[in-house]
Protein backbone atom coordinates (compact mmCIF):
# COMPACT_ATOMS: atom_id res chain seq x y z
CA UNK A 1 108.46 107.12 -27.78
CA UNK A 2 109.95 107.19 -24.19
CA UNK A 3 110.18 103.85 -22.92
CA UNK A 4 110.93 104.78 -19.48
CA UNK A 5 108.55 103.61 -16.80
CA UNK A 6 108.82 104.46 -12.55
CA UNK A 7 108.46 101.95 -10.26
CA UNK A 8 106.17 103.36 -7.58
CA UNK A 9 104.92 100.80 -5.81
CA UNK A 10 106.40 97.78 -4.05
CA UNK A 11 104.38 94.64 -2.43
CA UNK A 12 106.44 91.42 -1.26
CA UNK A 13 104.97 87.99 0.05
CA UNK A 14 107.71 85.55 -0.28
CA UNK A 15 109.24 83.09 2.80
CA UNK A 16 111.61 85.37 4.81
CA UNK A 17 110.83 88.94 3.21
CA UNK A 18 107.68 90.89 3.74
CA UNK A 19 109.14 94.20 1.81
CA UNK A 20 111.25 95.36 -0.42
CA UNK A 21 114.71 95.27 1.66
CA UNK A 22 113.37 91.92 2.97
CA UNK A 23 114.23 90.86 -0.26
CA UNK A 24 117.66 92.03 -0.27
CA UNK A 25 118.33 90.23 3.36
CA UNK A 26 115.74 87.33 4.12
CA UNK A 27 115.25 85.85 7.02
CA UNK A 28 114.06 82.47 8.21
CA UNK A 29 111.81 81.44 5.21
CA UNK A 30 108.62 80.97 6.75
CA UNK A 31 105.59 80.22 4.68
CA UNK A 32 103.45 83.42 4.21
CA UNK A 33 100.37 83.68 6.13
CA UNK A 34 97.53 85.77 3.81
CA UNK A 35 95.25 86.04 6.48
CA UNK A 36 97.56 87.50 8.88
CA UNK A 37 98.66 90.02 6.67
CA UNK A 38 95.48 91.13 4.98
CA UNK A 39 92.55 89.47 7.02
CA UNK A 40 90.36 86.33 6.32
CA UNK A 41 87.99 87.84 4.95
CA UNK A 42 87.55 87.21 1.03
CA UNK A 43 90.06 84.50 1.01
CA UNK A 44 88.11 81.62 1.50
CA UNK A 45 87.76 79.19 -1.76
CA UNK A 46 90.49 80.94 -3.48
CA UNK A 47 93.57 79.21 -4.29
CA UNK A 48 97.15 79.86 -2.99
CA UNK A 49 98.28 81.79 -5.93
CA UNK A 50 95.55 84.06 -5.35
CA UNK A 51 95.75 84.49 -1.78
CA UNK A 52 99.46 85.24 -1.98
CA UNK A 53 98.87 87.68 -4.98
CA UNK A 54 96.45 89.67 -2.95
CA UNK A 55 98.89 90.25 -0.56
CA UNK A 56 101.35 91.68 -2.82
CA UNK A 57 98.97 93.72 -4.46
CA UNK A 58 97.87 95.51 -1.39
CA UNK A 59 100.87 96.17 -0.85
CA UNK A 60 102.04 97.66 -3.94
CA UNK A 61 98.95 99.64 -3.98
CA UNK A 62 99.24 100.67 -0.37
CA UNK A 63 103.07 101.94 -0.99
CA UNK A 64 102.53 103.71 -4.25
CA UNK A 65 99.17 105.96 -2.25
CA UNK A 66 96.72 104.66 -4.54
CA UNK A 67 94.34 103.00 -2.13
CA UNK A 68 91.57 105.34 -0.63
CA UNK A 69 91.88 103.54 2.61
CA UNK A 70 95.65 102.41 3.18
CA UNK A 71 94.94 100.68 6.32
CA UNK A 72 91.91 98.51 4.60
CA UNK A 73 93.06 95.62 2.93
CA UNK A 74 90.19 95.65 0.74
CA UNK A 75 89.92 99.29 0.03
CA UNK A 76 89.10 100.15 -3.23
CA UNK A 77 91.63 102.84 -5.12
CA UNK A 78 90.95 106.28 -4.87
CA UNK A 79 91.86 106.99 -8.69
CA UNK A 80 89.58 106.40 -11.57
CA UNK A 81 89.23 102.57 -11.66
CA UNK A 82 89.18 102.39 -15.07
CA UNK A 83 92.82 104.11 -15.41
CA UNK A 84 94.60 100.86 -13.30
CA UNK A 85 95.12 98.10 -15.34
CA UNK A 86 96.31 94.86 -14.02
CA UNK A 87 99.11 92.05 -15.39
CA UNK A 88 99.31 89.28 -13.51
CA UNK A 89 102.35 86.49 -14.25
CA UNK A 90 101.98 82.76 -13.10
CA UNK A 91 103.10 79.51 -14.89
CA UNK A 92 101.74 77.10 -11.91
CA UNK A 93 99.32 79.01 -10.25
CA UNK A 94 96.14 76.71 -11.23
CA UNK A 95 97.48 73.80 -11.80
CA UNK A 96 96.99 71.98 -8.52
CA UNK A 97 93.14 73.50 -8.98
CA UNK A 98 92.40 71.92 -12.50
CA UNK A 99 94.56 68.61 -11.60
CA UNK A 100 91.83 67.89 -8.74
CA UNK A 101 88.98 69.00 -10.67
CA UNK A 102 90.30 66.59 -13.18
CA UNK A 103 90.90 63.36 -10.81
CA UNK A 104 87.29 64.27 -9.61
CA UNK A 105 85.88 64.19 -13.09
CA UNK A 106 87.75 61.17 -13.60
CA UNK A 107 86.62 59.30 -10.49
CA UNK A 108 83.38 59.53 -10.90
CA UNK A 109 82.69 59.95 -14.94
CA UNK A 110 80.85 63.13 -14.73
CA UNK A 111 81.34 66.51 -13.46
CA UNK A 112 78.29 66.49 -10.89
CA UNK A 113 80.92 66.52 -8.30
CA UNK A 114 82.65 69.34 -9.12
CA UNK A 115 81.44 72.33 -7.23
CA UNK A 116 80.76 75.65 -8.63
CA UNK A 117 82.66 77.51 -6.03
CA UNK A 118 85.89 76.33 -6.72
CA UNK A 119 85.58 76.28 -10.41
CA UNK A 120 86.82 80.02 -10.77
CA UNK A 121 90.11 78.56 -9.59
CA UNK A 122 90.40 76.91 -12.81
CA UNK A 123 90.76 80.23 -15.22
CA UNK A 124 94.31 80.94 -15.70
CA UNK A 125 93.25 84.51 -15.20
CA UNK A 126 92.07 83.87 -11.78
CA UNK A 127 94.65 85.95 -10.28
CA UNK A 128 94.53 89.18 -12.10
CA UNK A 129 90.68 89.09 -12.33
CA UNK A 130 90.49 88.46 -8.67
CA UNK A 131 93.20 91.37 -7.74
CA UNK A 132 91.00 93.60 -9.94
CA UNK A 133 87.60 92.45 -7.94
CA UNK A 134 88.94 93.06 -4.65
CA UNK A 135 91.09 96.83 -5.13
CA UNK A 136 88.40 97.94 -7.91
CA UNK A 137 90.84 97.90 -10.83
CA UNK A 138 88.63 98.09 -14.10
CA UNK A 139 91.48 99.11 -16.61
CA UNK A 140 92.56 96.18 -19.08
CA UNK A 141 93.09 92.64 -17.38
CA UNK A 142 95.72 90.63 -18.64
CA UNK A 143 97.75 87.28 -17.42
CA UNK A 144 101.10 85.85 -18.80
CA UNK A 145 101.82 82.23 -18.94
CA UNK A 146 104.64 81.80 -20.76
CA UNK A 147 107.45 79.97 -18.81
CA UNK A 148 110.89 81.42 -17.56
CA UNK A 149 110.24 84.75 -19.20
CA UNK A 150 106.70 85.63 -17.68
CA UNK A 151 107.41 88.06 -15.06
CA UNK A 152 109.70 90.44 -17.27
CA UNK A 153 106.99 89.84 -20.07
CA UNK A 154 104.41 90.76 -17.72
CA UNK A 155 106.54 94.42 -17.35
CA UNK A 156 106.68 94.48 -21.09
CA UNK A 157 103.14 94.32 -21.75
CA UNK A 158 102.52 97.01 -18.77
CA UNK A 159 104.72 99.18 -20.69
CA UNK A 160 102.65 98.57 -24.08
CA UNK A 161 99.45 99.34 -22.01
CA UNK A 162 100.93 102.57 -20.91
CA UNK A 163 102.44 104.07 -23.96
CA UNK A 164 99.00 103.07 -25.53
CA UNK A 165 97.39 105.03 -23.53
CA UNK A 166 95.12 102.37 -22.22
CA UNK A 167 96.09 102.87 -18.41
CA UNK A 168 97.60 105.50 -16.17
CA UNK A 169 98.74 102.97 -13.80
CA UNK A 170 99.63 99.26 -14.15
CA UNK A 171 99.65 96.93 -11.03
CA UNK A 172 102.09 94.16 -11.98
CA UNK A 173 102.07 90.74 -9.97
CA UNK A 174 103.72 87.70 -10.09
CA UNK A 175 102.61 84.45 -8.09
CA UNK A 176 103.46 80.73 -7.76
CA UNK A 177 102.40 78.15 -5.18
CA UNK A 178 104.51 75.19 -3.77
CA UNK A 179 102.78 71.93 -3.23
CA UNK A 180 103.48 68.21 -4.54
CA UNK A 181 101.47 68.73 -7.77
CA UNK A 182 103.80 71.50 -8.99
CA UNK A 183 106.71 70.38 -7.84
CA UNK A 184 105.78 66.77 -9.89
CA UNK A 185 104.88 68.98 -13.16
CA UNK A 186 108.00 71.01 -12.73
CA UNK A 187 110.49 68.05 -11.72
CA UNK A 188 111.98 70.14 -9.07
CA UNK A 189 112.28 69.69 -5.14
CA UNK A 190 110.84 72.94 -4.37
CA UNK A 191 108.95 75.92 -6.03
CA UNK A 192 108.83 79.57 -4.65
CA UNK A 193 105.94 79.89 -2.66
CA UNK A 194 105.10 83.39 -2.99
CA UNK A 195 104.04 86.87 -5.12
CA UNK A 196 105.59 89.87 -5.98
CA UNK A 197 103.70 93.03 -7.13
CA UNK A 198 104.99 96.38 -8.60
CA UNK A 199 103.18 99.57 -9.66
CA UNK A 200 104.29 101.20 -12.97
CA UNK A 201 103.63 104.78 -14.15
CA UNK A 202 104.65 106.73 -17.24
CA UNK A 203 108.42 108.19 -15.95
CA UNK A 204 107.80 112.08 -15.34
CA UNK A 205 111.53 113.40 -14.32
CA UNK A 206 110.89 116.82 -14.35
CA UNK A 207 107.70 116.62 -12.14
CA UNK A 208 107.69 118.06 -8.86
CA UNK A 209 107.25 115.46 -6.53
CA UNK A 210 108.45 115.20 -2.80
CA UNK A 211 109.48 111.34 -3.35
CA UNK A 212 111.44 109.57 -6.14
CA UNK A 213 110.27 106.10 -7.77
CA UNK A 214 111.73 103.21 -5.97
CA UNK A 215 113.65 102.67 -9.49
CA UNK A 216 113.23 103.31 -13.30
CA UNK A 217 112.73 100.63 -15.89
CA UNK A 218 114.88 101.81 -18.89
CA UNK A 219 113.99 99.07 -21.44
CA UNK A 220 112.89 95.93 -22.36
CA UNK A 221 113.47 93.58 -25.03
CA UNK A 222 113.22 89.79 -25.92
CA UNK A 223 115.67 87.71 -27.97
CA UNK A 224 116.62 83.97 -28.63
CA UNK A 225 120.09 84.67 -26.73
CA UNK A 226 121.62 86.61 -24.13
CA UNK A 227 124.13 88.41 -26.32
CA UNK A 228 121.40 89.34 -29.00
CA UNK A 229 119.59 90.19 -25.63
CA UNK A 230 122.03 92.90 -25.06
CA UNK A 231 122.08 94.34 -28.50
CA UNK A 232 118.85 94.76 -28.78
CA UNK A 233 118.84 96.85 -25.59
CA UNK A 234 120.99 99.00 -26.94
CA UNK A 235 123.42 98.89 -23.73
CA UNK A 236 127.25 98.36 -22.93
CA UNK A 237 128.09 95.44 -20.66
CA UNK A 238 131.12 97.48 -19.11
CA UNK A 239 128.37 100.16 -18.38
CA UNK A 240 126.73 98.01 -15.99
CA UNK A 241 126.38 98.36 -12.34
CA UNK A 242 125.62 94.81 -12.61
CA UNK A 243 123.33 92.13 -13.65
CA UNK A 244 120.79 89.22 -12.53
CA UNK A 245 121.40 85.92 -14.08
CA UNK A 246 118.40 83.71 -15.16
CA UNK A 247 117.28 80.45 -13.40
CA UNK A 248 118.64 78.29 -16.05
CA UNK A 249 122.26 79.49 -15.87
CA UNK A 250 123.80 80.45 -19.30
CA UNK A 251 126.77 78.66 -20.34
CA UNK A 252 128.28 82.14 -21.98
CA UNK A 253 127.42 85.76 -21.28
CA UNK A 254 128.62 88.99 -22.90
CA UNK A 255 129.81 90.32 -19.27
CA UNK A 256 133.56 89.31 -19.51
CA UNK A 257 134.56 88.11 -15.54
CA UNK A 258 131.55 90.26 -14.28
CA UNK A 259 129.73 88.04 -11.83
CA UNK A 260 126.07 88.49 -11.20
CA UNK A 261 124.05 89.95 -8.60
CA UNK A 262 122.82 86.80 -6.50
CA UNK A 263 119.51 86.76 -5.15
CA UNK A 264 119.83 86.45 -1.37
CA UNK A 265 116.86 83.61 -0.77
CA UNK A 266 116.65 80.27 -0.74
CA UNK A 267 112.95 79.83 -2.43
CA UNK A 268 113.73 77.22 -4.99
CA UNK A 269 112.18 77.66 -8.55
CA UNK A 270 110.94 81.25 -8.78
CA UNK A 271 109.51 80.78 -12.35
CA UNK A 272 107.54 83.67 -12.99
CA UNK A 273 107.94 85.49 -10.04
CA UNK A 274 112.18 85.83 -10.72
CA UNK A 275 111.92 88.64 -13.04
CA UNK A 276 109.94 91.12 -10.64
CA UNK A 277 112.14 89.77 -8.11
CA UNK A 278 115.28 90.47 -9.94
CA UNK A 279 113.64 94.19 -10.32
CA UNK A 280 112.59 94.62 -6.48
CA UNK A 281 115.78 93.84 -5.78
CA UNK A 282 117.62 96.05 -7.58
CA UNK A 283 115.13 98.80 -5.92
CA UNK A 284 116.34 97.68 -2.04
CA UNK A 285 120.27 97.84 -3.85
CA UNK A 286 119.40 101.31 -4.83
CA UNK A 287 117.72 102.19 -1.47
CA UNK A 288 120.49 101.13 0.13
CA UNK A 289 123.13 103.30 -1.55
CA UNK A 290 123.41 101.66 -4.79
CA UNK A 291 123.69 103.66 -8.14
CA UNK A 292 123.85 102.92 -11.86
CA UNK A 293 122.00 100.72 -14.15
CA UNK A 294 121.61 96.92 -13.83
CA UNK A 295 120.34 93.90 -15.95
CA UNK A 296 117.22 92.21 -15.25
CA UNK A 297 117.56 88.36 -17.30
CA UNK A 298 114.96 85.69 -17.10
CA UNK A 299 114.80 83.07 -19.58
CA UNK A 300 115.87 79.52 -20.70
CA UNK A 301 118.34 78.50 -23.65
CA UNK A 302 116.14 75.36 -23.84
CA UNK A 303 112.86 77.41 -24.55
CA UNK A 304 115.42 79.72 -27.02
CA UNK A 305 113.82 82.89 -25.15
CA UNK A 306 115.18 85.53 -22.88
CA UNK A 307 114.04 88.61 -21.63
CA UNK A 308 115.50 91.56 -20.02
CA UNK A 309 114.68 94.70 -18.36
CA UNK A 310 116.95 97.61 -17.85
CA UNK A 311 116.75 98.88 -14.02
CA UNK A 312 117.68 102.32 -13.57
CA UNK A 313 118.61 103.87 -10.05
CA UNK A 314 116.22 106.69 -9.34
CA UNK A 315 117.20 110.57 -9.44
CA UNK A 316 116.78 112.14 -5.81
CA UNK A 317 113.49 114.23 -5.22
CA UNK A 318 114.24 117.82 -5.65
CA UNK A 319 115.81 119.51 -3.24
CA UNK A 320 113.28 121.77 -1.76
CA UNK A 321 111.19 119.04 -1.13
CA UNK A 322 113.84 116.89 0.54
CA UNK A 323 115.10 120.02 2.77
CA UNK A 324 111.53 120.77 3.75
CA UNK A 325 110.63 116.89 4.78
CA UNK A 326 113.78 117.34 7.14
């Protein structure tokens, strides 16, 4: 069965980068203001990670030409709502809300001071749910909360949904907040405060389309080591145009003296967002003229798990459309 998937939409909401090309060369890392990007309406009482995810999701859906009104940041999709699934990835998204609620219960020794308005934020699936509600997405709705491989695993789950016929398109979004609770729990000085989203569709490289996808996902696998990962992907390291190193750098890797691509932003620990950032960075490189196949890798030796996704440069659109567009 064909594993190839098209990346047809990209949305970025990270400090210093507002779009695909911004990831390649980020500017001053100012915090993202969700209200400035998609308006204040509908953001009240939602946690930071959910707000960031809504921004990235809107940009990705608009980029994929799926919204009924592209200029309305609350617009529902114009396609069959049941045909669009959501897969979200977040490891720390609701941590501050859960901690605050537990503290409230502990202080009062009861739940009477816990507001029902904020309790939806306690659910680990709140990001995927809120994205689906806002943009009218009624397909399967999943959340991945499994550590460093989360973002790339979300892409794997999206591929499974597409190949099984459960959806025609999947919006994949990863979001993490940066706050003192998350920093303390993760044991790091800073966490990426942002979100990235992509829209995936089954690859149809014979389709007569005026635009090519941003990138093509050509395979995804999990393994206990990076060496095993490369074997399972069936890729020759020498044939790769480049690769992205996981957040916890591997001591040895099967790429000889080849240096990995380095993400340009100084964002701190990226956690589940890293995998999607790697894919978007690859898409930006392709847009700038890069070719070939790159490998995105996330994981941690301490966890005994790595996930890898092959990302290919897209073919150019058909010549007759390219000439007519010129």
